[in-house]
């Protein structure tokens, strides 16, 4: 029987992906409480999200929805964070943002409904969010250590992936703007093709930068003004085929100059107001082929 899950890559062709359409909970997210730049407009947010889903479908992905209402959890549309999906099942994480706690259990139930078994569930003092987890390759997972992912989360991830032949690379994250700001590892880097990554080097760990160089990666830099509009947050639909937030023309041009096909989406409500790019809005369930 062919498995319909497994996503130990950032670039293998996206075959099956989970999304959550913005609902009233997202629209009612208090900007101060949730650290949004403004209150989202639900009608426009849903239009933007529907257009994003259409791009995913046209790229060949099966799109499935995470529909269960989650009152008081405005960030639940960012489905990348509560779990990762390995070749041997899901690892349910433990979110570092207290306001988001509880999303994990709902995600675990939905993945189970979709035929994805849960291999491990983080517990106790562990904290880890999907936005801090980057597959460098099929056997290498980089884990950002910052305000959302802690040392105990890293230790339990090692337990969760034990026996799978996966090497974990710890990557320390900077203080930046403090604990209230969401700075994930994937805020600073996206792998978009074989040995090609989009990076914002000013905040990237020097040891990790050197590691990527040693691995033979080409590192394409995002300019400072496009870091603010999530230029480094790029979703690979397939090797060299990318989806990014519109309004980052320099990053887009640089990607195209190195041979990438770049698609864009409008995300004034679903991305810019709430600090979540295309990677955050999607939870790959199956990549490959």
Protein backbone atom coordinates (compact mmCIF):
# COMPACT_ATOMS: atom_id res chain seq x y z
CA UNK A 1 0.00 0.00 0.00
CA UNK A 2 1.33 3.43 -0.98
CA UNK A 3 1.55 5.82 1.97
CA UNK A 4 -0.18 9.17 1.58
CA UNK A 5 2.14 10.98 3.98
CA UNK A 6 5.81 11.82 4.40
CA UNK A 7 7.39 15.25 4.07
CA UNK A 8 11.07 15.20 5.03
CA UNK A 9 11.97 17.84 2.46
CA UNK A 10 11.40 21.53 1.84
CA UNK A 11 11.57 21.21 -1.96
CA UNK A 12 10.30 17.82 -3.17
CA UNK A 13 7.10 18.24 -5.24
CA UNK A 14 4.19 19.17 -2.99
CA UNK A 15 1.58 16.41 -3.35
CA UNK A 16 -0.74 16.80 -0.37
CA UNK A 17 -1.10 19.83 1.87
CA UNK A 18 -3.29 20.91 4.77
CA UNK A 19 -4.63 24.47 5.10
CA UNK A 20 -7.08 26.32 7.35
CA UNK A 21 -9.34 28.91 5.76
CA UNK A 22 -9.58 32.14 7.82
CA UNK A 23 -12.72 32.25 9.95
CA UNK A 24 -14.36 34.62 12.41
CA UNK A 25 -11.80 33.74 15.09
CA UNK A 26 -9.00 35.04 12.89
CA UNK A 27 -10.95 38.18 12.01
CA UNK A 28 -11.60 38.89 15.69
CA UNK A 29 -7.94 38.51 16.66
CA UNK A 30 -7.07 41.48 18.86
CA UNK A 31 -4.03 43.14 17.27
CA UNK A 32 -2.40 43.94 20.62
CA UNK A 33 -2.96 40.49 22.09
CA UNK A 34 -1.86 38.63 18.96
CA UNK A 35 0.85 41.06 17.88
CA UNK A 36 -0.90 41.82 14.56
CA UNK A 37 -0.39 45.11 12.76
CA UNK A 38 -4.18 45.54 12.43
CA UNK A 39 -7.46 43.68 12.74
CA UNK A 40 -7.92 41.37 9.72
CA UNK A 41 -10.75 41.92 7.26
CA UNK A 42 -12.39 38.49 7.04
CA UNK A 43 -13.90 38.83 3.56
CA UNK A 44 -10.61 39.94 2.03
CA UNK A 45 -8.65 37.36 4.05
CA UNK A 46 -10.84 34.56 2.71
CA UNK A 47 -10.43 35.83 -0.86
CA UNK A 48 -6.66 35.90 -0.44
CA UNK A 49 -6.64 32.42 1.06
CA UNK A 50 -8.87 30.99 -1.68
CA UNK A 51 -6.50 32.40 -4.30
CA UNK A 52 -3.54 30.83 -2.47
CA UNK A 53 -5.32 27.47 -2.43
CA UNK A 54 -5.99 27.75 -6.15
CA UNK A 55 -2.27 28.20 -6.80
CA UNK A 56 -1.52 25.11 -4.70
CA UNK A 57 -4.07 23.05 -6.62
CA UNK A 58 -2.83 24.26 -10.00
CA UNK A 59 0.67 23.21 -8.94
CA UNK A 60 -0.60 19.64 -8.60
CA UNK A 61 -1.17 19.41 -4.86
CA UNK A 62 -4.19 17.86 -3.22
CA UNK A 63 -5.45 20.47 -0.75
CA UNK A 64 -7.25 19.30 2.38
CA UNK A 65 -8.81 21.55 4.98
CA UNK A 66 -8.39 21.83 8.74
CA UNK A 67 -11.92 23.00 9.42
CA UNK A 68 -12.57 22.52 13.14
CA UNK A 69 -13.39 25.80 14.87
CA UNK A 70 -10.81 26.88 17.43
CA UNK A 71 -12.30 29.78 19.40
CA UNK A 72 -9.78 32.24 20.82
CA UNK A 73 -6.95 30.82 18.64
CA UNK A 74 -6.56 33.44 15.92
CA UNK A 75 -3.20 32.04 14.79
CA UNK A 76 -4.66 28.61 14.00
CA UNK A 77 -4.61 29.44 10.27
CA UNK A 78 -0.82 28.98 10.46
CA UNK A 79 -0.99 25.21 10.23
CA UNK A 80 2.73 24.68 9.70
CA UNK A 81 3.52 25.08 13.39
CA UNK A 82 1.68 22.41 15.47
CA UNK A 83 3.24 19.30 13.86
CA UNK A 84 5.71 17.92 11.35
CA UNK A 85 5.06 14.89 9.14
CA UNK A 86 7.85 12.38 8.69
CA UNK A 87 8.01 9.21 6.61
CA UNK A 88 6.95 7.29 9.72
CA UNK A 89 4.13 9.57 10.88
CA UNK A 90 3.52 12.88 12.56
CA UNK A 91 5.45 14.40 15.42
CA UNK A 92 2.99 16.58 17.33
CA UNK A 93 4.82 19.60 18.70
CA UNK A 94 4.22 21.83 21.73
CA UNK A 95 3.76 25.45 20.79
CA UNK A 96 5.93 28.08 22.43
CA UNK A 97 3.34 30.84 22.14
CA UNK A 98 1.00 30.34 25.10
CA UNK A 99 -2.00 31.81 23.27
CA UNK A 100 -1.73 29.00 20.71
CA UNK A 101 -1.67 26.12 23.17
CA UNK A 102 -4.36 23.56 22.32
CA UNK A 103 -3.84 23.74 18.56
CA UNK A 104 -1.63 20.67 18.84
CA UNK A 105 -4.37 18.27 19.94
CA UNK A 106 -6.75 19.51 17.24
CA UNK A 107 -4.04 19.04 14.62
CA UNK A 108 -3.28 15.53 15.85
CA UNK A 109 -6.95 14.55 15.46
CA UNK A 110 -7.13 15.99 11.94
CA UNK A 111 -3.96 14.24 10.85
CA UNK A 112 -5.30 10.98 12.21
CA UNK A 113 -8.51 11.49 10.19
CA UNK A 114 -6.32 11.92 7.12
CA UNK A 115 -4.54 8.64 7.73
CA UNK A 116 -1.37 10.07 9.27
CA UNK A 117 -0.40 8.19 12.45
CA UNK A 118 1.14 10.09 15.35
CA UNK A 119 4.65 8.81 16.01
CA UNK A 120 5.40 11.03 19.02
CA UNK A 121 3.87 13.90 20.99
CA UNK A 122 6.05 16.45 22.73
CA UNK A 123 5.16 16.93 26.39
CA UNK A 124 6.11 18.52 29.70
CA UNK A 125 8.44 21.49 29.44
CA UNK A 126 9.23 20.91 25.77
CA UNK A 127 8.50 23.73 23.36
CA UNK A 128 8.90 23.45 19.60
CA UNK A 129 7.14 25.09 16.66
CA UNK A 130 7.19 24.01 13.04
CA UNK A 131 8.49 27.41 11.99
CA UNK A 132 11.78 26.53 13.69
CA UNK A 133 12.17 23.22 11.85
CA UNK A 134 13.93 23.14 8.48
CA UNK A 135 14.67 19.99 6.48
CA UNK A 136 18.15 20.61 5.07
CA UNK A 137 17.78 17.27 3.30
CA UNK A 138 15.83 14.06 3.85
CA UNK A 139 18.09 12.99 6.71
CA UNK A 140 18.97 16.36 8.25
CA UNK A 141 16.68 18.57 10.33
CA UNK A 142 17.84 22.02 11.46
CA UNK A 143 16.15 23.16 14.69
CA UNK A 144 16.07 26.84 15.61
CA UNK A 145 16.49 27.52 19.32
CA UNK A 146 14.83 30.75 20.43
CA UNK A 147 11.72 31.99 22.19
CA UNK A 148 9.42 29.40 20.51
CA UNK A 149 11.62 26.28 20.62
CA UNK A 150 13.68 25.35 23.67
CA UNK A 151 16.40 22.85 24.63
CA UNK A 152 13.88 20.35 26.00
CA UNK A 153 11.97 20.56 22.74
CA UNK A 154 15.18 19.77 20.90
CA UNK A 155 15.87 16.82 23.20
CA UNK A 156 12.39 15.38 22.69
CA UNK A 157 12.66 15.83 18.93
CA UNK A 158 15.79 13.69 19.11
CA UNK A 159 13.72 11.03 20.93
CA UNK A 160 10.89 11.38 18.43
CA UNK A 161 13.15 10.81 15.44
CA UNK A 162 15.35 8.16 17.05
CA UNK A 163 15.99 5.20 14.79
CA UNK A 164 15.11 7.04 11.59
CA UNK A 165 18.66 7.96 10.62
CA UNK A 166 18.00 11.68 10.98
CA UNK A 167 20.69 14.11 12.14
CA UNK A 168 19.49 17.17 14.06
CA UNK A 169 21.43 20.43 13.71
CA UNK A 170 20.77 22.98 16.51
CA UNK A 171 20.68 26.59 15.29
CA UNK A 172 20.67 29.38 17.86
CA UNK A 173 18.37 32.30 17.02
CA UNK A 174 19.00 35.96 17.94
CA UNK A 175 17.03 38.01 20.45
CA UNK A 176 15.96 40.40 17.63
CA UNK A 177 12.85 42.28 18.89
CA UNK A 178 12.24 40.13 21.95
CA UNK A 179 9.88 37.35 23.06
CA UNK A 180 6.67 38.98 21.81
CA UNK A 181 7.89 39.02 18.21
CA UNK A 182 7.66 35.83 16.18
CA UNK A 183 11.14 35.13 14.86
CA UNK A 184 11.37 31.55 13.61
CA UNK A 185 14.28 29.91 11.83
CA UNK A 186 12.08 29.98 8.73
CA UNK A 187 11.81 33.76 9.12
CA UNK A 188 15.46 33.81 8.03
CA UNK A 189 15.83 31.03 5.47
CA UNK A 190 13.89 29.00 2.92
CA UNK A 191 15.35 26.20 0.81
CA UNK A 192 13.90 26.57 -2.68
CA UNK A 193 15.93 24.23 -4.90
CA UNK A 194 18.71 21.69 -4.70
CA UNK A 195 21.57 23.44 -2.86
CA UNK A 196 19.83 26.84 -3.11
CA UNK A 197 18.46 28.81 -0.17
CA UNK A 198 16.95 32.26 0.26
CA UNK A 199 18.46 33.84 3.38
CA UNK A 200 18.48 36.99 5.47
CA UNK A 201 22.11 36.71 6.67
CA UNK A 202 22.07 39.64 9.12
CA UNK A 203 20.19 37.54 11.68
CA UNK A 204 21.45 34.10 10.68
CA UNK A 205 23.74 32.16 13.01
CA UNK A 206 27.37 32.23 11.81
CA UNK A 207 27.94 28.50 12.52
CA UNK A 208 24.80 27.64 10.54
CA UNK A 209 25.82 29.95 7.68
CA UNK A 210 29.21 28.22 7.57
CA UNK A 211 27.53 24.81 7.73
CA UNK A 212 25.38 25.65 4.69
CA UNK A 213 28.46 26.88 2.84
CA UNK A 214 30.27 23.65 3.65
CA UNK A 215 27.28 21.70 2.36
CA UNK A 216 27.62 23.50 -0.96
CA UNK A 217 24.50 25.69 -0.74
CA UNK A 218 24.19 28.83 -2.80
CA UNK A 219 22.80 31.49 -0.47
CA UNK A 220 20.66 34.14 -2.15
CA UNK A 221 20.36 37.20 0.07
CA UNK A 222 17.13 39.08 0.75
CA UNK A 223 17.52 42.87 1.06
CA UNK A 224 16.75 44.48 4.41
CA UNK A 225 13.53 46.21 3.36
CA UNK A 226 12.11 42.93 2.02
CA UNK A 227 12.87 41.10 5.26
CA UNK A 228 10.08 43.20 6.77
CA UNK A 229 7.64 41.90 4.12
CA UNK A 230 8.64 38.25 4.59
CA UNK A 231 10.95 38.01 1.60
CA UNK A 232 12.82 35.05 3.15
CA UNK A 233 9.57 33.07 3.66
CA UNK A 234 9.27 31.18 0.36
CA UNK A 235 7.34 27.96 -0.20
CA UNK A 236 8.83 25.54 -2.71
CA UNK A 237 6.09 23.82 -4.74
CA UNK A 238 8.78 21.73 -6.43
CA UNK A 239 12.53 22.15 -6.88
CA UNK A 240 13.05 25.62 -8.35
CA UNK A 241 9.33 26.42 -8.42
CA UNK A 242 8.45 28.86 -5.64
CA UNK A 243 5.53 30.70 -4.09
CA UNK A 244 6.14 33.94 -2.23
CA UNK A 245 4.26 36.97 -0.95
CA UNK A 246 3.89 39.70 -3.55
CA UNK A 247 5.63 42.99 -2.89
CA UNK A 248 9.16 41.58 -2.73
CA UNK A 249 10.40 42.47 -6.24
CA UNK A 250 14.13 42.30 -5.55
CA UNK A 251 13.95 38.84 -3.99
CA UNK A 252 11.68 37.68 -6.81
CA UNK A 253 14.06 38.97 -9.45
CA UNK A 254 17.07 37.40 -7.77
CA UNK A 255 15.30 34.04 -7.66
CA UNK A 256 14.40 34.29 -11.32
CA UNK A 257 17.98 35.22 -12.22
CA UNK A 258 19.21 31.93 -10.73
CA UNK A 259 16.64 29.96 -12.72
CA UNK A 260 13.65 29.69 -10.39
CA UNK A 261 10.04 30.04 -11.47
CA UNK A 262 8.38 32.38 -8.98
CA UNK A 263 4.65 32.63 -8.31
CA UNK A 264 3.23 35.27 -5.98
CA UNK A 265 0.06 35.71 -3.95
CA UNK A 266 -1.59 38.70 -2.31
CA UNK A 267 -1.45 38.43 1.47
CA UNK A 268 -2.27 41.81 2.97
CA UNK A 269 -4.65 40.21 5.49
CA UNK A 270 -3.47 36.61 5.86
CA UNK A 271 0.25 37.36 5.88
CA UNK A 272 1.33 40.95 6.46
CA UNK A 273 -1.11 41.78 9.27
CA UNK A 274 -0.43 38.59 11.19
CA UNK A 275 3.23 37.76 10.46
CA UNK A 276 2.73 34.50 8.55
CA UNK A 277 3.99 33.76 5.04
CA UNK A 278 3.22 30.95 2.57
CA UNK A 279 5.21 28.37 4.51
CA UNK A 280 3.31 29.21 7.71
CA UNK A 281 -0.08 28.90 5.97
CA UNK A 282 0.57 25.36 4.72
CA UNK A 283 1.30 22.05 6.42
CA UNK A 284 2.81 19.68 3.82
CA UNK A 285 1.60 16.13 4.41
CA UNK A 286 3.17 14.48 1.37
CA UNK A 287 6.10 15.58 -0.74
CA UNK A 288 7.93 13.59 -3.39
CA UNK A 289 7.65 11.83 -6.70
